[in-house]
N, C-alpha and C. Protein backbone atom coordinates (compact mmCIF):
# COMPACT_ATOMS: atom_id res chain seq x y z
N UNK A 1 25.33 -86.57 23.36
CA UNK A 1 24.56 -85.19 23.81
C UNK A 1 23.41 -85.18 23.11
N UNK A 2 22.17 -85.23 23.80
CA UNK A 2 21.17 -84.33 22.78
C UNK A 2 20.81 -83.49 22.10
N UNK A 3 20.52 -83.45 20.93
CA UNK A 3 20.18 -81.74 20.03
C UNK A 3 18.94 -81.22 20.45
N UNK A 4 18.41 -80.10 20.82
CA UNK A 4 17.72 -79.09 21.43
C UNK A 4 17.81 -77.92 20.18
N UNK A 5 16.58 -77.82 19.66
CA UNK A 5 16.52 -76.39 19.18
C UNK A 5 15.38 -75.28 19.74
N UNK A 6 15.68 -74.49 19.63
CA UNK A 6 14.78 -73.12 20.29
C UNK A 6 14.54 -72.09 18.90
N UNK A 7 13.35 -72.23 18.53
CA UNK A 7 12.57 -71.37 17.24
C UNK A 7 12.02 -70.58 17.84
N UNK A 8 12.77 -69.25 18.05
CA UNK A 8 11.50 -68.15 18.93
C UNK A 8 12.19 -67.13 17.97
N UNK A 9 11.64 -65.97 17.61
CA UNK A 9 11.99 -64.95 16.95
C UNK A 9 12.87 -63.98 17.86
N UNK A 10 12.74 -64.07 19.32
CA UNK A 10 13.41 -62.85 19.96
C UNK A 10 14.93 -63.54 20.60
N UNK A 11 15.51 -62.42 19.82
CA UNK A 11 17.17 -62.83 20.78
C UNK A 11 17.21 -63.16 21.57
N UNK A 12 16.63 -62.71 22.67
CA UNK A 12 16.83 -62.80 24.12
C UNK A 12 16.41 -64.32 24.68
N UNK A 13 15.60 -64.42 24.19
CA UNK A 13 14.79 -65.92 24.67
C UNK A 13 15.36 -67.07 23.72
N UNK A 14 15.95 -66.97 23.06
CA UNK A 14 17.00 -67.68 22.55
C UNK A 14 18.03 -67.95 23.23
N UNK A 15 18.90 -66.31 23.60
CA UNK A 15 20.24 -66.72 24.13
C UNK A 15 19.83 -67.39 25.48
N UNK A 16 18.85 -66.68 26.22
CA UNK A 16 18.77 -67.29 27.66
C UNK A 16 18.74 -68.92 27.50
N UNK A 17 17.64 -69.28 26.81
CA UNK A 17 17.43 -70.65 26.62
C UNK A 17 18.64 -71.44 26.22
N UNK A 18 19.40 -71.07 25.29
CA UNK A 18 20.57 -71.66 25.16
C UNK A 18 21.57 -71.78 25.79
N UNK A 19 21.81 -70.74 27.03
CA UNK A 19 22.50 -70.98 27.81
C UNK A 19 22.37 -71.81 29.06
N UNK A 20 21.19 -71.78 29.61
CA UNK A 20 20.50 -72.62 30.46
C UNK A 20 20.75 -73.98 29.91
N UNK A 21 19.95 -74.50 28.54
CA UNK A 21 19.75 -75.72 28.33
C UNK A 21 21.24 -76.30 28.14
N UNK A 22 22.35 -75.16 27.42
CA UNK A 22 23.79 -76.14 27.16
C UNK A 22 24.60 -76.42 28.64
N UNK A 23 23.98 -75.67 29.65
CA UNK A 23 24.50 -76.27 31.30
C UNK A 23 23.96 -77.36 31.37
N UNK A 24 22.64 -77.60 30.71
CA UNK A 24 22.05 -78.92 31.03
C UNK A 24 22.68 -80.03 30.83
N UNK A 25 23.66 -80.16 29.65
CA UNK A 25 24.46 -80.69 28.90
C UNK A 25 23.53 -81.00 27.29
N UNK A 26 22.89 -80.36 27.07
CA UNK A 26 22.12 -80.22 25.85
C UNK A 26 23.08 -79.64 24.52
N UNK A 27 22.75 -80.12 23.05
CA UNK A 27 23.74 -79.62 22.12
C UNK A 27 22.47 -78.40 21.69
N UNK A 28 22.64 -77.31 21.54
CA UNK A 28 21.35 -76.43 21.63
C UNK A 28 21.89 -75.50 20.24
N UNK A 29 20.81 -75.57 19.26
CA UNK A 29 20.66 -74.68 18.19
C UNK A 29 19.67 -73.82 18.06
N UNK A 30 19.75 -72.66 17.09
CA UNK A 30 18.83 -71.60 17.28
C UNK A 30 18.48 -71.57 16.18
N UNK A 31 17.05 -70.91 16.14
CA UNK A 31 16.35 -70.40 14.85
C UNK A 31 15.22 -69.23 15.03
N UNK A 32 15.71 -68.43 14.33
CA UNK A 32 14.76 -67.15 14.66
C UNK A 32 13.45 -67.02 13.71
N UNK A 33 13.30 -67.92 12.82
CA UNK A 33 12.00 -68.03 12.09
C UNK A 33 11.70 -69.55 11.81
N UNK A 34 10.58 -70.00 11.67
CA UNK A 34 9.94 -71.22 11.12
C UNK A 34 10.63 -71.67 9.72
N UNK A 35 11.18 -70.64 8.75
CA UNK A 35 11.31 -71.00 7.91
C UNK A 35 13.22 -71.85 8.38
N UNK A 36 13.77 -71.08 9.07
CA UNK A 36 14.87 -71.22 9.67
C UNK A 36 15.10 -72.57 10.08
N UNK A 37 13.92 -72.64 11.07
CA UNK A 37 13.98 -73.94 12.23
C UNK A 37 13.96 -74.87 11.21
N UNK A 38 12.94 -75.29 10.13
CA UNK A 38 12.75 -75.78 8.91
C UNK A 38 14.00 -76.30 8.11
N UNK A 39 14.82 -75.57 7.97
CA UNK A 39 15.87 -75.83 7.52
C UNK A 39 16.69 -76.72 8.10
N UNK A 40 16.80 -76.18 9.12
CA UNK A 40 17.77 -76.82 10.19
C UNK A 40 17.25 -78.18 10.37
N UNK A 41 15.88 -78.55 10.08
CA UNK A 41 15.48 -79.93 10.64
C UNK A 41 15.63 -80.98 9.81
N UNK A 42 15.60 -80.02 8.34
CA UNK A 42 15.63 -80.93 7.05
C UNK A 42 17.15 -81.41 7.08
N UNK A 43 17.99 -80.99 7.47
CA UNK A 43 19.63 -81.12 7.77
C UNK A 43 19.56 -82.43 9.12
N UNK A 44 19.06 -81.99 10.08
CA UNK A 44 19.24 -82.89 11.25
C UNK A 44 17.88 -82.57 12.12
N UNK A 45 17.45 -83.41 12.25
CA UNK A 45 16.06 -83.60 13.62
C UNK A 45 16.53 -83.34 14.89
N UNK A 46 16.18 -82.19 15.83
CA UNK A 46 16.66 -82.58 17.33
C UNK A 46 15.91 -83.42 18.12
N UNK A 47 16.15 -83.79 18.91
CA UNK A 47 15.38 -84.58 20.01
C UNK A 47 13.92 -83.71 20.57
N UNK A 48 14.70 -82.46 21.05
CA UNK A 48 13.59 -81.65 21.52
C UNK A 48 13.48 -80.34 20.73
N UNK A 49 12.44 -79.63 20.83
CA UNK A 49 12.32 -78.31 19.72
C UNK A 49 11.15 -77.52 20.72
N UNK A 50 11.38 -76.48 20.91
CA UNK A 50 10.86 -75.48 21.81
C UNK A 50 10.34 -74.40 20.20
N UNK A 51 9.13 -74.08 20.32
CA UNK A 51 8.36 -73.60 19.08
C UNK A 51 7.70 -72.38 19.67
N UNK A 52 7.70 -71.26 19.48
CA UNK A 52 7.14 -69.79 20.07
C UNK A 52 5.89 -69.69 19.23
N UNK A 53 4.92 -69.61 20.18
CA UNK A 53 3.66 -69.47 19.47
C UNK A 53 3.04 -68.23 18.61
N UNK A 54 4.13 -67.27 19.21
CA UNK A 54 4.10 -66.02 18.59
C UNK A 54 4.97 -65.86 17.07
N UNK A 55 5.54 -66.48 17.00
CA UNK A 55 6.52 -66.50 15.75
C UNK A 55 5.47 -66.75 14.33
N UNK A 56 6.09 -66.04 13.77
CA UNK A 56 5.14 -66.30 12.14
C UNK A 56 4.94 -68.35 11.53
N UNK A 57 4.10 -68.68 11.12
CA UNK A 57 4.18 -69.76 11.00
C UNK A 57 4.76 -70.84 11.73
N UNK A 58 4.33 -70.84 13.09
CA UNK A 58 4.70 -71.70 14.00
C UNK A 58 3.79 -72.84 13.76
N UNK A 59 2.50 -72.60 14.08
CA UNK A 59 1.78 -73.78 14.04
C UNK A 59 2.11 -74.81 12.58
N UNK A 60 2.42 -74.09 11.23
CA UNK A 60 2.87 -75.00 10.19
C UNK A 60 4.02 -75.64 10.40
N UNK A 61 5.00 -74.94 11.32
CA UNK A 61 6.33 -75.53 11.28
C UNK A 61 6.23 -77.26 12.01
N UNK A 62 5.13 -77.09 13.19
CA UNK A 62 5.23 -78.07 14.10
C UNK A 62 4.72 -79.34 13.16
N UNK A 63 3.15 -79.02 12.59
CA UNK A 63 2.99 -80.05 11.59
C UNK A 63 3.49 -80.61 10.41
N UNK A 64 4.38 -79.46 9.79
CA UNK A 64 5.51 -80.27 9.05
C UNK A 64 6.51 -80.98 9.59
N UNK A 65 7.15 -80.70 10.64
CA UNK A 65 7.92 -81.27 11.80
C UNK A 65 7.27 -82.95 11.54
N UNK A 66 6.14 -82.93 12.02
CA UNK A 66 5.62 -83.96 12.66
C UNK A 66 5.90 -85.06 10.95
N UNK A 67 5.66 -84.21 10.12
CA UNK A 67 5.08 -85.28 8.67
C UNK A 67 6.49 -85.80 7.93
N UNK A 68 7.72 -84.94 8.85
CA UNK A 68 8.80 -85.62 8.15
C UNK A 68 9.31 -87.01 8.71
N UNK A 69 10.14 -87.54 7.84
CA UNK A 69 10.94 -88.99 8.37
C UNK A 69 11.73 -88.68 9.91
N UNK A 70 10.99 -89.28 10.72
CA UNK A 70 11.54 -89.26 12.21
C UNK A 70 10.87 -88.10 12.59
N UNK A 71 10.14 -87.53 12.25
CA UNK A 71 9.81 -86.19 13.17
C UNK A 71 8.57 -86.69 13.91
N UNK A 72 7.98 -87.79 13.96
CA UNK A 72 7.18 -87.82 15.29
C UNK A 72 8.00 -88.13 16.16
N UNK A 73 8.98 -88.46 16.45
CA UNK A 73 9.80 -88.85 17.38
C UNK A 73 10.53 -87.62 18.66
N UNK A 74 10.29 -86.76 17.41
CA UNK A 74 10.56 -84.85 18.26
C UNK A 74 10.02 -84.54 19.22
N UNK A 75 10.17 -84.03 20.23
CA UNK A 75 9.34 -83.77 21.64
C UNK A 75 9.11 -82.14 21.31
N UNK A 76 8.23 -82.09 20.79
CA UNK A 76 8.06 -80.47 20.44
C UNK A 76 7.30 -79.61 21.46
N UNK A 77 7.64 -78.58 22.03
CA UNK A 77 7.12 -77.77 23.13
C UNK A 77 6.46 -76.52 22.53
N UNK A 78 5.50 -76.01 22.89
CA UNK A 78 5.05 -75.26 21.98
C UNK A 78 4.78 -73.98 23.07
N UNK A 79 5.44 -73.01 22.88
CA UNK A 79 5.86 -72.02 23.91
C UNK A 79 4.64 -70.73 24.12
N UNK A 80 3.92 -70.86 24.99
CA UNK A 80 2.46 -69.87 24.89
C UNK A 80 3.19 -68.69 26.15
N UNK A 81 2.34 -67.28 25.68
CA UNK A 81 2.80 -66.39 26.71
C UNK A 81 1.44 -66.26 27.78
N UNK A 82 0.47 -67.09 27.77
CA UNK A 82 -0.52 -67.29 28.50
C UNK A 82 -1.34 -68.14 28.11
N UNK A 83 -1.87 -69.23 29.37
CA UNK A 83 -2.23 -70.46 29.38
C UNK A 83 -4.05 -70.54 28.53
N UNK A 84 -3.79 -69.93 27.04
CA UNK A 84 -5.27 -69.85 26.47
C UNK A 84 -5.53 -71.16 25.99
N UNK A 85 -6.46 -71.72 26.42
CA UNK A 85 -6.88 -72.85 25.43
C UNK A 85 -7.28 -73.27 24.70
N UNK A 86 -7.99 -72.20 23.68
CA UNK A 86 -8.03 -72.42 22.20
C UNK A 86 -6.51 -72.20 21.56
N UNK A 87 -5.59 -71.34 22.27
CA UNK A 87 -3.90 -71.35 21.52
C UNK A 87 -3.46 -72.64 22.10
N UNK A 88 -3.54 -73.18 22.80
CA UNK A 88 -3.02 -74.55 23.34
C UNK A 88 -3.55 -75.95 22.71
N UNK A 89 -4.95 -75.82 22.18
CA UNK A 89 -5.76 -76.59 21.35
C UNK A 89 -5.04 -76.33 20.12
N UNK A 90 -4.50 -75.69 19.15
CA UNK A 90 -4.39 -74.95 18.38
C UNK A 90 -2.89 -76.09 18.21
N UNK A 91 -2.07 -75.79 19.09
CA UNK A 91 -1.00 -76.15 19.05
C UNK A 91 -0.79 -77.85 19.25
N UNK A 92 -1.61 -78.38 20.01
CA UNK A 92 -1.44 -79.91 20.21
C UNK A 92 -2.50 -80.39 18.89
N UNK A 93 -3.15 -79.84 18.14
CA UNK A 93 -3.87 -80.23 16.99
C UNK A 93 -3.10 -80.56 16.23
N UNK A 94 -1.45 -79.36 15.90
CA UNK A 94 -0.63 -79.50 14.94
C UNK A 94 0.91 -80.45 15.31
N UNK A 95 0.46 -80.66 16.43
CA UNK A 95 1.26 -81.87 16.90
C UNK A 95 2.12 -81.73 17.89
N UNK A 96 2.04 -80.62 18.53
CA UNK A 96 3.04 -80.44 20.06
C UNK A 96 2.92 -81.36 20.84
N UNK A 97 3.90 -81.99 21.46
CA UNK A 97 3.91 -83.01 22.60
C UNK A 97 3.46 -82.15 23.67
N UNK A 98 4.14 -81.00 24.21
CA UNK A 98 3.54 -80.46 25.33
C UNK A 98 3.83 -78.82 25.40
N UNK A 99 3.23 -77.89 26.21
CA UNK A 99 3.48 -76.91 26.42
C UNK A 99 4.66 -75.95 27.25
N UNK A 100 5.11 -74.88 26.96
CA UNK A 100 5.87 -74.30 28.05
C UNK A 100 5.20 -72.64 28.35
N UNK A 101 5.18 -72.42 29.53
CA UNK A 101 4.44 -70.84 29.63
C UNK A 101 6.19 -69.96 29.54
N UNK A 102 6.18 -68.63 28.50
CA UNK A 102 6.80 -67.95 28.48
C UNK A 102 6.63 -66.54 29.55
N UNK A 103 7.49 -66.21 30.00
CA UNK A 103 8.63 -66.40 29.64
C UNK A 103 8.93 -67.64 30.60
N UNK A 104 10.19 -68.37 30.19
CA UNK A 104 10.78 -69.49 30.81
C UNK A 104 12.16 -68.93 31.70
N UNK A 105 12.43 -69.49 32.18
CA UNK A 105 13.61 -69.32 33.35
C UNK A 105 14.53 -70.54 33.41
N UNK A 106 15.68 -70.30 34.26
CA UNK A 106 16.52 -71.69 34.82
C UNK A 106 15.51 -72.64 35.25
N UNK A 107 14.93 -72.58 36.47
CA UNK A 107 14.07 -73.05 37.24
C UNK A 107 12.97 -73.72 36.32
N UNK A 108 12.16 -73.24 35.63
CA UNK A 108 11.40 -74.05 34.70
C UNK A 108 12.24 -74.77 33.85
N UNK A 109 13.22 -74.72 32.99
CA UNK A 109 13.71 -75.58 32.12
C UNK A 109 14.50 -76.82 32.94
N UNK A 110 14.89 -76.31 33.93
CA UNK A 110 15.39 -77.27 34.82
C UNK A 110 14.84 -78.44 34.86
N UNK A 111 13.68 -77.91 35.83
CA UNK A 111 12.66 -78.67 36.19
C UNK A 111 12.21 -79.59 34.98
N UNK A 112 11.69 -79.17 33.81
CA UNK A 112 11.20 -79.74 32.81
C UNK A 112 12.43 -80.90 31.65
N UNK A 113 13.15 -80.19 31.84
CA UNK A 113 14.48 -80.92 31.05
C UNK A 113 15.64 -81.43 31.37
N UNK A 114 15.98 -81.15 32.62
CA UNK A 114 16.91 -81.38 33.51
C UNK A 114 16.90 -82.70 33.80
N UNK A 115 16.13 -83.59 34.16
CA UNK A 115 16.45 -85.10 34.12
C UNK A 115 16.67 -85.93 32.93
N UNK A 116 15.79 -85.39 31.78
CA UNK A 116 15.80 -85.94 30.05
C UNK A 116 17.57 -85.82 29.96
N UNK A 117 18.18 -84.61 30.15
CA UNK A 117 19.42 -84.47 29.77
C UNK A 117 20.74 -85.56 30.06
N UNK A 118 20.29 -85.70 31.82
CA UNK A 118 20.91 -86.67 32.29
C UNK A 118 20.65 -88.04 31.86
N UNK A 119 19.26 -88.34 31.29
CA UNK A 119 18.96 -89.65 31.46
C UNK A 119 19.65 -90.36 29.92
N UNK A 120 19.86 -89.52 29.19
CA UNK A 120 20.01 -89.49 27.70
C UNK A 120 21.80 -90.77 27.89
């Protein structure tokens, strides 16, 4: 089972994402802050990570994970509220693999990650 982490300051976003991704057969962990996410990643890196752009130190979290052993293999999705080109480029420069628009729902998460869970 592939590991997935959702790093978002919103309890609701984390709970909804966890429920949907768990149903797609991911082992999902949550982090309410960049500090908590980094601590979890130092114990065990996930294969997938959603990082909320509105969370304090989100970009630093991404770049720190990229610098860790095995960190370049993590698929990091920078989650933004709107398709703001400047914010998207900042995420890409920090090391984000791709982007997700927030709020996400079952349809979006299934479209993006559904086949990946099955393929593992």
